[in-house]
């Protein structure tokens, strides 16, 4: 398993989103080598998705989309995680199509 430094991975995500003409922001800058990343996708004022990293049975990274879709609930969850993990990154993507630009597999809430 080859693991990229977090800063390099975030830079690649930013590039993919920009190429897709989505707005992307680093809301919280975590540890550049090994920080975890949360990816929030804001679709409109009332709808957002939060993608949280996890590992599958083979140790490969997958993303799990949290079941909440209202931005205040997602923001509260992110703040709680950031209080527990000072190395955490938070990336926010604004995209009306709801694209997350993640290249690893994504598990939706109803798949669990």
PDB file of N, CA and C in Angstrom:
ATOM      1  N   UNK A   1       0.844  -1.184   0.000  1.00  0.00           N
ATOM      2  CA  UNK A   1       0.000   0.000   0.000  1.00  0.00           C
ATOM      3  C   UNK A   1       0.886   1.242   0.000  1.00  0.00           C
ATOM      4  N   UNK A   2       0.745   2.066  -1.004  1.00  0.00           N
ATOM      5  CA  UNK A   2       1.517   3.290  -1.133  1.00  0.00           C
ATOM      6  C   UNK A   2       0.662   4.457  -0.644  1.00  0.00           C
ATOM      7  N   UNK A   3       1.154   5.194   0.339  1.00  0.00           N
ATOM      8  CA  UNK A   3       0.378   6.271   0.936  1.00  0.00           C
ATOM      9  C   UNK A   3       0.990   7.613   0.549  1.00  0.00           C
ATOM     10  N   UNK A   4       0.159   8.487  -0.002  1.00  0.00           N
ATOM     11  CA  UNK A   4       0.597   9.834  -0.367  1.00  0.00           C
ATOM     12  C   UNK A   4       0.593  10.734   0.858  1.00  0.00           C
ATOM     13  N   UNK A   5       1.472  11.707   0.860  1.00  0.00           N
ATOM     14  CA  UNK A   5       1.416  12.727   1.899  1.00  0.00           C
ATOM     15  C   UNK A   5       0.109  13.495   1.713  1.00  0.00           C
ATOM     16  N   UNK A   6      -0.484  13.910   2.807  1.00  0.00           N
ATOM     17  CA  UNK A   6      -1.800  14.546   2.758  1.00  0.00           C
ATOM     18  C   UNK A   6      -1.785  15.804   1.895  1.00  0.00           C
ATOM     19  N   UNK A   7      -0.775  16.630   2.026  1.00  0.00           N
ATOM     20  CA  UNK A   7      -0.718  17.882   1.253  1.00  0.00           C
ATOM     21  C   UNK A   7      -0.731  17.596  -0.245  1.00  0.00           C
ATOM     22  N   UNK A   8       0.001  16.595  -0.676  1.00  0.00           N
ATOM     23  CA  UNK A   8       0.028  16.222  -2.085  1.00  0.00           C
ATOM     24  C   UNK A   8      -1.350  15.751  -2.539  1.00  0.00           C
ATOM     25  N   UNK A   9      -2.015  14.923  -1.698  1.00  0.00           N
ATOM     26  CA  UNK A   9      -3.350  14.413  -2.025  1.00  0.00           C
ATOM     27  C   UNK A   9      -4.357  15.565  -2.114  1.00  0.00           C
ATOM     28  N   UNK A  10      -4.298  16.503  -1.159  1.00  0.00           N
ATOM     29  CA  UNK A  10      -5.207  17.656  -1.167  1.00  0.00           C
ATOM     30  C   UNK A  10      -4.969  18.508  -2.411  1.00  0.00           C
ATOM     31  N   UNK A  11      -3.720  18.746  -2.749  1.00  0.00           N
ATOM     32  CA  UNK A  11      -3.411  19.531  -3.955  1.00  0.00           C
ATOM     33  C   UNK A  11      -4.016  18.881  -5.202  1.00  0.00           C
ATOM     34  N   UNK A  12      -3.967  17.547  -5.279  1.00  0.00           N
ATOM     35  CA  UNK A  12      -4.553  16.843  -6.424  1.00  0.00           C
ATOM     36  C   UNK A  12      -6.077  16.986  -6.433  1.00  0.00           C
ATOM     37  N   UNK A  13      -6.711  16.917  -5.265  1.00  0.00           N
ATOM     38  CA  UNK A  13      -8.163  17.108  -5.178  1.00  0.00           C
ATOM     39  C   UNK A  13      -8.537  18.525  -5.625  1.00  0.00           C
ATOM     40  N   UNK A  14      -7.780  19.499  -5.167  1.00  0.00           N
ATOM     41  CA  UNK A  14      -8.033  20.887  -5.569  1.00  0.00           C
ATOM     42  C   UNK A  14      -7.932  21.021  -7.085  1.00  0.00           C
ATOM     43  N   UNK A  15      -6.928  20.427  -7.659  1.00  0.00           N
ATOM     44  CA  UNK A  15      -6.738  20.514  -9.111  1.00  0.00           C
ATOM     45  C   UNK A  15      -7.909  19.872  -9.878  1.00  0.00           C
ATOM     46  N   UNK A  16      -8.354  18.684  -9.410  1.00  0.00           N
ATOM     47  CA  UNK A  16      -9.489  18.026 -10.073  1.00  0.00           C
ATOM     48  C   UNK A  16     -10.743  18.876  -9.990  1.00  0.00           C
ATOM     49  N   UNK A  17     -10.994  19.461  -8.824  1.00  0.00           N
ATOM     50  CA  UNK A  17     -12.188  20.294  -8.660  1.00  0.00           C
ATOM     51  C   UNK A  17     -12.106  21.543  -9.533  1.00  0.00           C
ATOM     52  N   UNK A  18     -10.950  22.169  -9.559  1.00  0.00           N
ATOM     53  CA  UNK A  18     -10.786  23.366 -10.391  1.00  0.00           C
ATOM     54  C   UNK A  18     -10.962  23.037 -11.871  1.00  0.00           C
ATOM     55  N   UNK A  19     -10.435  21.893 -12.299  1.00  0.00           N
ATOM     56  CA  UNK A  19     -10.618  21.480 -13.688  1.00  0.00           C
ATOM     57  C   UNK A  19     -12.090  21.223 -14.002  1.00  0.00           C
ATOM     58  N   UNK A  20     -12.852  20.817 -12.990  1.00  0.00           N
ATOM     59  CA  UNK A  20     -14.289  20.607 -13.143  1.00  0.00           C
ATOM     60  C   UNK A  20     -15.099  21.877 -12.954  1.00  0.00           C
ATOM     61  N   UNK A  21     -14.401  23.009 -12.803  1.00  0.00           N
ATOM     62  CA  UNK A  21     -15.016  24.328 -12.637  1.00  0.00           C
ATOM     63  C   UNK A  21     -15.857  24.433 -11.363  1.00  0.00           C
ATOM     64  N   UNK A  22     -15.450  23.726 -10.320  1.00  0.00           N
ATOM     65  CA  UNK A  22     -16.095  23.839  -9.013  1.00  0.00           C
ATOM     66  C   UNK A  22     -15.239  24.747  -8.132  1.00  0.00           C
ATOM     67  N   UNK A  23     -15.892  25.404  -7.186  1.00  0.00           N
ATOM     68  CA  UNK A  23     -15.159  26.203  -6.201  1.00  0.00           C
ATOM     69  C   UNK A  23     -14.707  25.271  -5.084  1.00  0.00           C
ATOM     70  N   UNK A  24     -13.467  25.400  -4.660  1.00  0.00           N
ATOM     71  CA  UNK A  24     -12.943  24.539  -3.602  1.00  0.00           C
ATOM     72  C   UNK A  24     -12.099  25.371  -2.647  1.00  0.00           C
ATOM     73  N   UNK A  25     -12.255  25.098  -1.354  1.00  0.00           N
ATOM     74  CA  UNK A  25     -11.593  25.879  -0.315  1.00  0.00           C
ATOM     75  C   UNK A  25     -10.987  24.948   0.734  1.00  0.00           C
ATOM     76  N   UNK A  26      -9.823  25.324   1.218  1.00  0.00           N
ATOM     77  CA  UNK A  26      -9.249  24.644   2.378  1.00  0.00           C
ATOM     78  C   UNK A  26      -9.751  25.423   3.594  1.00  0.00           C
ATOM     79  N   UNK A  27     -10.722  24.857   4.297  1.00  0.00           N
ATOM     80  CA  UNK A  27     -11.319  25.515   5.458  1.00  0.00           C
ATOM     81  C   UNK A  27     -10.421  25.338   6.680  1.00  0.00           C
ATOM     82  N   UNK A  28      -9.823  24.180   6.776  1.00  0.00           N
ATOM     83  CA  UNK A  28      -8.918  23.890   7.892  1.00  0.00           C
ATOM     84  C   UNK A  28      -7.707  23.150   7.333  1.00  0.00           C
ATOM     85  N   UNK A  29      -6.527  23.680   7.609  1.00  0.00           N
ATOM     86  CA  UNK A  29      -5.268  23.108   7.126  1.00  0.00           C
ATOM     87  C   UNK A  29      -4.686  22.249   8.237  1.00  0.00           C
ATOM     88  N   UNK A  30      -4.603  20.948   7.991  1.00  0.00           N
ATOM     89  CA  UNK A  30      -4.091  20.027   8.995  1.00  0.00           C
ATOM     90  C   UNK A  30      -2.638  19.666   8.752  1.00  0.00           C
ATOM     91  N   UNK A  31      -2.223  18.556   9.317  1.00  0.00           N
ATOM     92  CA  UNK A  31      -0.860  18.079   9.165  1.00  0.00           C
ATOM     93  C   UNK A  31      -0.589  17.727   7.701  1.00  0.00           C
ATOM     94  N   UNK A  32       0.495  18.265   7.155  1.00  0.00           N
ATOM     95  CA  UNK A  32       0.784  18.090   5.728  1.00  0.00           C
ATOM     96  C   UNK A  32       1.244  16.687   5.365  1.00  0.00           C
ATOM     97  N   UNK A  33       1.739  15.943   6.332  1.00  0.00           N
ATOM     98  CA  UNK A  33       2.238  14.612   6.033  1.00  0.00           C
ATOM     99  C   UNK A  33       1.191  13.524   6.224  1.00  0.00           C
ATOM    100  N   UNK A  34       0.450  13.577   7.331  1.00  0.00           N
ATOM    101  CA  UNK A  34      -0.421  12.443   7.656  1.00  0.00           C
ATOM    102  C   UNK A  34      -1.764  12.843   8.255  1.00  0.00           C
ATOM    103  N   UNK A  35      -2.217  14.055   8.021  1.00  0.00           N
ATOM    104  CA  UNK A  35      -3.512  14.471   8.560  1.00  0.00           C
ATOM    105  C   UNK A  35      -4.674  13.820   7.831  1.00  0.00           C
ATOM    106  N   UNK A  36      -5.741  13.555   8.558  1.00  0.00           N
ATOM    107  CA  UNK A  36      -6.973  13.056   7.936  1.00  0.00           C
ATOM    108  C   UNK A  36      -7.671  14.210   7.229  1.00  0.00           C
ATOM    109  N   UNK A  37      -8.497  13.869   6.245  1.00  0.00           N
ATOM    110  CA  UNK A  37      -9.198  14.884   5.451  1.00  0.00           C
ATOM    111  C   UNK A  37     -10.690  14.597   5.474  1.00  0.00           C
ATOM    112  N   UNK A  38     -11.485  15.617   5.739  1.00  0.00           N
ATOM    113  CA  UNK A  38     -12.927  15.560   5.561  1.00  0.00           C
ATOM    114  C   UNK A  38     -13.247  16.398   4.331  1.00  0.00           C
ATOM    115  N   UNK A  39     -14.149  15.909   3.492  1.00  0.00           N
ATOM    116  CA  UNK A  39     -14.520  16.626   2.278  1.00  0.00           C
ATOM    117  C   UNK A  39     -16.015  16.928   2.341  1.00  0.00           C
ATOM    118  N   UNK A  40     -16.336  18.223   2.409  1.00  0.00           N
ATOM    119  CA  UNK A  40     -17.738  18.646   2.429  1.00  0.00           C
ATOM    120  C   UNK A  40     -18.092  19.209   1.064  1.00  0.00           C
ATOM    121  N   UNK A  41     -19.206  18.737   0.517  1.00  0.00           N
ATOM    122  CA  UNK A  41     -19.676  19.219  -0.776  1.00  0.00           C
ATOM    123  C   UNK A  41     -20.984  19.969  -0.538  1.00  0.00           C
ATOM    124  N   UNK A  42     -20.982  21.255  -0.846  1.00  0.00           N
ATOM    125  CA  UNK A  42     -22.175  22.086  -0.700  1.00  0.00           C
ATOM    126  C   UNK A  42     -22.838  22.188  -2.065  1.00  0.00           C
ATOM    127  N   UNK A  43     -24.083  21.704  -2.121  1.00  0.00           N
ATOM    128  CA  UNK A  43     -24.815  21.687  -3.385  1.00  0.00           C
ATOM    129  C   UNK A  43     -25.665  22.941  -3.516  1.00  0.00           C
ATOM    130  N   UNK A  44     -26.359  23.299  -2.455  1.00  0.00           N
ATOM    131  CA  UNK A  44     -27.085  24.568  -2.386  1.00  0.00           C
ATOM    132  C   UNK A  44     -27.249  24.931  -0.918  1.00  0.00           C
ATOM    133  N   UNK A  45     -28.012  25.975  -0.636  1.00  0.00           N
ATOM    134  CA  UNK A  45     -28.123  26.464   0.744  1.00  0.00           C
ATOM    135  C   UNK A  45     -28.716  25.447   1.710  1.00  0.00           C
ATOM    136  N   UNK A  46     -29.448  24.495   1.214  1.00  0.00           N
ATOM    137  CA  UNK A  46     -30.109  23.544   2.109  1.00  0.00           C
ATOM    138  C   UNK A  46     -29.592  22.113   1.971  1.00  0.00           C
ATOM    139  N   UNK A  47     -28.598  21.887   1.147  1.00  0.00           N
ATOM    140  CA  UNK A  47     -28.144  20.523   0.909  1.00  0.00           C
ATOM    141  C   UNK A  47     -26.621  20.462   0.829  1.00  0.00           C
ATOM    142  N   UNK A  48     -26.041  19.578   1.639  1.00  0.00           N
ATOM    143  CA  UNK A  48     -24.595  19.349   1.620  1.00  0.00           C
ATOM    144  C   UNK A  48     -24.345  17.882   1.929  1.00  0.00           C
ATOM    145  N   UNK A  49     -23.167  17.407   1.558  1.00  0.00           N
ATOM    146  CA  UNK A  49     -22.746  16.035   1.852  1.00  0.00           C
ATOM    147  C   UNK A  49     -21.359  16.104   2.480  1.00  0.00           C
ATOM    148  N   UNK A  50     -21.114  15.212   3.412  1.00  0.00           N
ATOM    149  CA  UNK A  50     -19.800  15.135   4.040  1.00  0.00           C
ATOM    150  C   UNK A  50     -19.236  13.738   3.816  1.00  0.00           C
ATOM    151  N   UNK A  51     -18.018  13.694   3.312  1.00  0.00           N
ATOM    152  CA  UNK A  51     -17.329  12.440   3.035  1.00  0.00           C
ATOM    153  C   UNK A  51     -16.196  12.268   4.039  1.00  0.00           C
ATOM    154  N   UNK A  52     -16.203  11.103   4.700  1.00  0.00           N
ATOM    155  CA  UNK A  52     -15.263  10.797   5.770  1.00  0.00           C
ATOM    156  C   UNK A  52     -14.419   9.595   5.336  1.00  0.00           C
ATOM    157  N   UNK A  53     -13.093   9.665   5.515  1.00  0.00           N
ATOM    158  CA  UNK A  53     -12.259   8.543   5.093  1.00  0.00           C
ATOM    159  C   UNK A  53     -12.396   7.349   6.035  1.00  0.00           C
ATOM    160  N   UNK A  54     -12.241   6.168   5.453  1.00  0.00           N
ATOM    161  CA  UNK A  54     -12.252   4.918   6.213  1.00  0.00           C
ATOM    162  C   UNK A  54     -11.368   3.935   5.451  1.00  0.00           C
ATOM    163  N   UNK A  55     -11.191   2.760   5.995  1.00  0.00           N
ATOM    164  CA  UNK A  55     -10.423   1.704   5.335  1.00  0.00           C
ATOM    165  C   UNK A  55     -11.334   0.506   5.109  1.00  0.00           C
ATOM    166  N   UNK A  56     -11.194  -0.135   3.946  1.00  0.00           N
ATOM    167  CA  UNK A  56     -11.977  -1.339   3.672  1.00  0.00           C
ATOM    168  C   UNK A  56     -11.268  -2.558   4.246  1.00  0.00           C
ATOM    169  N   UNK A  57     -11.786  -3.729   3.963  1.00  0.00           N
ATOM    170  CA  UNK A  57     -11.218  -4.968   4.506  1.00  0.00           C
ATOM    171  C   UNK A  57      -9.788  -5.238   4.038  1.00  0.00           C
ATOM    172  N   UNK A  58      -9.405  -4.642   2.917  1.00  0.00           N
ATOM    173  CA  UNK A  58      -8.049  -4.833   2.382  1.00  0.00           C
ATOM    174  C   UNK A  58      -7.096  -3.713   2.794  1.00  0.00           C
ATOM    175  N   UNK A  59      -7.598  -2.774   3.595  1.00  0.00           N
ATOM    176  CA  UNK A  59      -6.771  -1.660   4.037  1.00  0.00           C
ATOM    177  C   UNK A  59      -6.712  -0.496   3.076  1.00  0.00           C
ATOM    178  N   UNK A  60      -7.511  -0.548   2.012  1.00  0.00           N
ATOM    179  CA  UNK A  60      -7.551   0.541   1.031  1.00  0.00           C
ATOM    180  C   UNK A  60      -8.502   1.633   1.506  1.00  0.00           C
ATOM    181  N   UNK A  61      -8.186   2.878   1.127  1.00  0.00           N
ATOM    182  CA  UNK A  61      -9.050   3.984   1.538  1.00  0.00           C
ATOM    183  C   UNK A  61     -10.348   3.967   0.755  1.00  0.00           C
ATOM    184  N   UNK A  62     -11.441   4.161   1.482  1.00  0.00           N
ATOM    185  CA  UNK A  62     -12.751   4.390   0.903  1.00  0.00           C
ATOM    186  C   UNK A  62     -13.317   5.612   1.610  1.00  0.00           C
ATOM    187  N   UNK A  63     -14.362   6.162   1.041  1.00  0.00           N
ATOM    188  CA  UNK A  63     -15.023   7.322   1.641  1.00  0.00           C
ATOM    189  C   UNK A  63     -16.444   6.928   1.995  1.00  0.00           C
ATOM    190  N   UNK A  64     -16.876   7.357   3.154  1.00  0.00           N
ATOM    191  CA  UNK A  64     -18.241   7.094   3.596  1.00  0.00           C
ATOM    192  C   UNK A  64     -18.962   8.434   3.677  1.00  0.00           C
ATOM    193  N   UNK A  65     -20.085   8.518   2.988  1.00  0.00           N
ATOM    194  CA  UNK A  65     -20.874   9.753   3.042  1.00  0.00           C
ATOM    195  C   UNK A  65     -21.764   9.706   4.269  1.00  0.00           C
ATOM    196  N   UNK A  66     -21.659  10.709   5.112  1.00  0.00           N
ATOM    197  CA  UNK A  66     -22.483  10.798   6.315  1.00  0.00           C
ATOM    198  C   UNK A  66     -23.946  10.955   5.908  1.00  0.00           C
ATOM    199  N   UNK A  67     -24.869  10.443   6.727  1.00  0.00           N
ATOM    200  CA  UNK A  67     -26.279  10.494   6.357  1.00  0.00           C
ATOM    201  C   UNK A  67     -26.907  11.887   6.457  1.00  0.00           C
ATOM    202  N   UNK A  68     -26.349  12.768   7.306  1.00  0.00           N
ATOM    203  CA  UNK A  68     -26.922  14.117   7.419  1.00  0.00           C
ATOM    204  C   UNK A  68     -26.725  14.885   6.116  1.00  0.00           C
ATOM    205  N   UNK A  69     -27.670  15.755   5.801  1.00  0.00           N
ATOM    206  CA  UNK A  69     -27.527  16.564   4.591  1.00  0.00           C
ATOM    207  C   UNK A  69     -27.677  18.060   4.864  1.00  0.00           C
ATOM    208  N   UNK A  70     -27.988  18.440   6.107  1.00  0.00           N
ATOM    209  CA  UNK A  70     -28.101  19.880   6.381  1.00  0.00           C
ATOM    210  C   UNK A  70     -26.740  20.387   6.854  1.00  0.00           C
ATOM    211  N   UNK A  71     -26.347  21.528   6.304  1.00  0.00           N
ATOM    212  CA  UNK A  71     -25.005  22.050   6.537  1.00  0.00           C
ATOM    213  C   UNK A  71     -24.707  22.341   8.005  1.00  0.00           C
ATOM    214  N   UNK A  72     -25.640  22.918   8.789  1.00  0.00           N
ATOM    215  CA  UNK A  72     -25.314  23.165  10.204  1.00  0.00           C
ATOM    216  C   UNK A  72     -24.970  21.885  10.975  1.00  0.00           C
ATOM    217  N   UNK A  73     -25.673  20.800  10.719  1.00  0.00           N
ATOM    218  CA  UNK A  73     -25.366  19.531  11.395  1.00  0.00           C
ATOM    219  C   UNK A  73     -23.997  19.008  10.979  1.00  0.00           C
ATOM    220  N   UNK A  74     -23.705  19.105   9.699  1.00  0.00           N
ATOM    221  CA  UNK A  74     -22.403  18.650   9.211  1.00  0.00           C
ATOM    222  C   UNK A  74     -21.275  19.509   9.781  1.00  0.00           C
ATOM    223  N   UNK A  75     -21.487  20.820   9.845  1.00  0.00           N
ATOM    224  CA  UNK A  75     -20.469  21.706  10.402  1.00  0.00           C
ATOM    225  C   UNK A  75     -20.217  21.404  11.876  1.00  0.00           C
ATOM    226  N   UNK A  76     -21.280  21.132  12.624  1.00  0.00           N
ATOM    227  CA  UNK A  76     -21.129  20.792  14.042  1.00  0.00           C
ATOM    228  C   UNK A  76     -20.333  19.502  14.191  1.00  0.00           C
ATOM    229  N   UNK A  77     -20.616  18.521  13.351  1.00  0.00           N
ATOM    230  CA  UNK A  77     -19.885  17.256  13.393  1.00  0.00           C
ATOM    231  C   UNK A  77     -18.402  17.484  13.084  1.00  0.00           C
ATOM    232  N   UNK A  78     -18.125  18.325  12.082  1.00  0.00           N
ATOM    233  CA  UNK A  78     -16.741  18.632  11.710  1.00  0.00           C
ATOM    234  C   UNK A  78     -16.013  19.355  12.844  1.00  0.00           C
ATOM    235  N   UNK A  79     -16.676  20.299  13.502  1.00  0.00           N
ATOM    236  CA  UNK A  79     -16.055  21.004  14.621  1.00  0.00           C
ATOM    237  C   UNK A  79     -15.689  20.034  15.744  1.00  0.00           C
ATOM    238  N   UNK A  80     -16.592  19.102  16.020  1.00  0.00           N
ATOM    239  CA  UNK A  80     -16.329  18.104  17.065  1.00  0.00           C
ATOM    240  C   UNK A  80     -15.109  17.264  16.699  1.00  0.00           C
ATOM    241  N   UNK A  81     -15.043  16.819  15.457  1.00  0.00           N
ATOM    242  CA  UNK A  81     -13.885  16.035  15.002  1.00  0.00           C
ATOM    243  C   UNK A  81     -12.600  16.854  15.074  1.00  0.00           C
ATOM    244  N   UNK A  82     -12.661  18.136  14.672  1.00  0.00           N
ATOM    245  CA  UNK A  82     -11.475  19.000  14.697  1.00  0.00           C
ATOM    246  C   UNK A  82     -10.994  19.228  16.127  1.00  0.00           C
ATOM    247  N   UNK A  83     -11.910  19.302  17.075  1.00  0.00           N
ATOM    248  CA  UNK A  83     -11.519  19.459  18.482  1.00  0.00           C
ATOM    249  C   UNK A  83     -10.756  18.228  18.973  1.00  0.00           C
ATOM    250  N   UNK A  84     -11.071  17.075  18.420  1.00  0.00           N
ATOM    251  CA  UNK A  84     -10.429  15.825  18.824  1.00  0.00           C
ATOM    252  C   UNK A  84      -9.157  15.534  18.038  1.00  0.00           C
ATOM    253  N   UNK A  85      -9.011  16.126  16.863  1.00  0.00           N
ATOM    254  CA  UNK A  85      -7.888  15.812  15.974  1.00  0.00           C
ATOM    255  C   UNK A  85      -7.297  17.103  15.420  1.00  0.00           C
ATOM    256  N   UNK A  86      -6.198  17.553  16.008  1.00  0.00           N
ATOM    257  CA  UNK A  86      -5.593  18.816  15.579  1.00  0.00           C
ATOM    258  C   UNK A  86      -4.929  18.715  14.206  1.00  0.00           C
ATOM    259  N   UNK A  87      -4.720  17.495  13.699  1.00  0.00           N
ATOM    260  CA  UNK A  87      -4.094  17.305  12.388  1.00  0.00           C
ATOM    261  C   UNK A  87      -5.102  17.280  11.240  1.00  0.00           C
ATOM    262  N   UNK A  88      -6.374  17.427  11.545  1.00  0.00           N
ATOM    263  CA  UNK A  88      -7.461  17.270  10.583  1.00  0.00           C
ATOM    264  C   UNK A  88      -7.515  18.399   9.552  1.00  0.00           C
ATOM    265  N   UNK A  89      -7.770  18.017   8.307  1.00  0.00           N
ATOM    266  CA  UNK A  89      -8.039  18.962   7.227  1.00  0.00           C
ATOM    267  C   UNK A  89      -9.548  18.988   6.976  1.00  0.00           C
ATOM    268  N   UNK A  90     -10.071  20.138   6.579  1.00  0.00           N
ATOM    269  CA  UNK A  90     -11.447  20.232   6.107  1.00  0.00           C
ATOM    270  C   UNK A  90     -11.427  20.955   4.770  1.00  0.00           C
ATOM    271  N   UNK A  91     -11.904  20.256   3.757  1.00  0.00           N
ATOM    272  CA  UNK A  91     -11.975  20.797   2.399  1.00  0.00           C
ATOM    273  C   UNK A  91     -13.452  20.995   2.062  1.00  0.00           C
ATOM    274  N   UNK A  92     -13.789  22.151   1.516  1.00  0.00           N
ATOM    275  CA  UNK A  92     -15.171  22.418   1.118  1.00  0.00           C
ATOM    276  C   UNK A  92     -15.221  22.658  -0.383  1.00  0.00           C
ATOM    277  N   UNK A  93     -16.123  21.936  -1.033  1.00  0.00           N
ATOM    278  CA  UNK A  93     -16.334  22.068  -2.474  1.00  0.00           C
ATOM    279  C   UNK A  93     -17.739  22.605  -2.688  1.00  0.00           C
ATOM    280  N   UNK A  94     -17.863  23.654  -3.457  1.00  0.00           N
ATOM    281  CA  UNK A  94     -19.181  24.170  -3.836  1.00  0.00           C
ATOM    282  C   UNK A  94     -19.431  23.743  -5.272  1.00  0.00           C
ATOM    283  N   UNK A  95     -20.448  22.895  -5.442  1.00  0.00           N
ATOM    284  CA  UNK A  95     -20.734  22.363  -6.769  1.00  0.00           C
ATOM    285  C   UNK A  95     -22.214  22.021  -6.860  1.00  0.00           C
ATOM    286  N   UNK A  96     -22.930  22.704  -7.710  1.00  0.00           N
ATOM    287  CA  UNK A  96     -24.383  22.480  -7.844  1.00  0.00           C
ATOM    288  C   UNK A  96     -24.720  21.064  -8.309  1.00  0.00           C
ATOM    289  N   UNK A  97     -23.773  20.391  -8.951  1.00  0.00           N
ATOM    290  CA  UNK A  97     -23.995  19.015  -9.393  1.00  0.00           C
ATOM    291  C   UNK A  97     -23.698  18.003  -8.278  1.00  0.00           C
ATOM    292  N   UNK A  98     -23.120  18.460  -7.175  1.00  0.00           N
ATOM    293  CA  UNK A  98     -22.827  17.580  -6.053  1.00  0.00           C
ATOM    294  C   UNK A  98     -21.620  16.690  -6.260  1.00  0.00           C
ATOM    295  N   UNK A  99     -20.725  17.066  -7.158  1.00  0.00           N
ATOM    296  CA  UNK A  99     -19.540  16.242  -7.418  1.00  0.00           C
ATOM    297  C   UNK A  99     -18.536  16.379  -6.274  1.00  0.00           C
ATOM    298  N   UNK A 100     -17.944  15.255  -5.875  1.00  0.00           N
ATOM    299  CA  UNK A 100     -16.976  15.265  -4.775  1.00  0.00           C
ATOM    300  C   UNK A 100     -15.532  15.206  -5.270  1.00  0.00           C
ATOM    301  N   UNK A 101     -15.308  14.786  -6.493  1.00  0.00           N
ATOM    302  CA  UNK A 101     -13.985  14.713  -7.128  1.00  0.00           C
ATOM    303  C   UNK A 101     -13.036  13.733  -6.436  1.00  0.00           C
ATOM    304  N   UNK A 102     -13.566  12.837  -5.615  1.00  0.00           N
ATOM    305  CA  UNK A 102     -12.761  11.799  -4.985  1.00  0.00           C
ATOM    306  C   UNK A 102     -12.533  10.684  -5.991  1.00  0.00           C
ATOM    307  N   UNK A 103     -11.360  10.097  -5.975  1.00  0.00           N
ATOM    308  CA  UNK A 103     -11.067   9.018  -6.919  1.00  0.00           C
ATOM    309  C   UNK A 103     -11.219   7.638  -6.284  1.00  0.00           C
ATOM    310  N   UNK A 104     -11.213   7.577  -4.958  1.00  0.00           N
ATOM    311  CA  UNK A 104     -11.394   6.298  -4.273  1.00  0.00           C
ATOM    312  C   UNK A 104     -12.885   5.969  -4.191  1.00  0.00           C
ATOM    313  N   UNK A 105     -13.236   4.713  -3.906  1.00  0.00           N
ATOM    314  CA  UNK A 105     -14.650   4.335  -3.805  1.00  0.00           C
ATOM    315  C   UNK A 105     -15.377   5.115  -2.702  1.00  0.00           C
ATOM    316  N   UNK A 106     -16.671   5.372  -2.948  1.00  0.00           N
ATOM    317  CA  UNK A 106     -17.518   6.085  -1.987  1.00  0.00           C
ATOM    318  C   UNK A 106     -18.684   5.181  -1.612  1.00  0.00           C
ATOM    319  N   UNK A 107     -18.894   5.045  -0.305  1.00  0.00           N
ATOM    320  CA  UNK A 107     -20.036   4.271   0.195  1.00  0.00           C
ATOM    321  C   UNK A 107     -21.104   5.244   0.663  1.00  0.00           C
ATOM    322  N   UNK A 108     -22.314   5.042   0.176  1.00  0.00           N
ATOM    323  CA  UNK A 108     -23.427   5.904   0.544  1.00  0.00           C
ATOM    324  C   UNK A 108     -24.078   5.400   1.827  1.00  0.00           C
ATOM    325  N   UNK A 109     -24.800   6.260   2.556  1.00  0.00           N
ATOM    326  CA  UNK A 109     -25.351   5.863   3.858  1.00  0.00           C
ATOM    327  C   UNK A 109     -26.234   4.630   3.803  1.00  0.00           C
ATOM    328  N   UNK A 110     -27.011   4.419   2.752  1.00  0.00           N
ATOM    329  CA  UNK A 110     -27.921   3.276   2.697  1.00  0.00           C
ATOM    330  C   UNK A 110     -27.206   1.974   2.385  1.00  0.00           C
ATOM    331  N   UNK A 111     -25.892   2.023   2.108  1.00  0.00           N
ATOM    332  CA  UNK A 111     -25.124   0.806   1.830  1.00  0.00           C
ATOM    333  C   UNK A 111     -24.589   0.165   3.107  1.00  0.00           C
ATOM    334  N   UNK A 112     -24.692   0.830   4.230  1.00  0.00           N
ATOM    335  CA  UNK A 112     -24.187   0.304   5.497  1.00  0.00           C
ATOM    336  C   UNK A 112     -25.276  -0.365   6.267  1.00  0.00           C
TER     337      UNK A 112
END
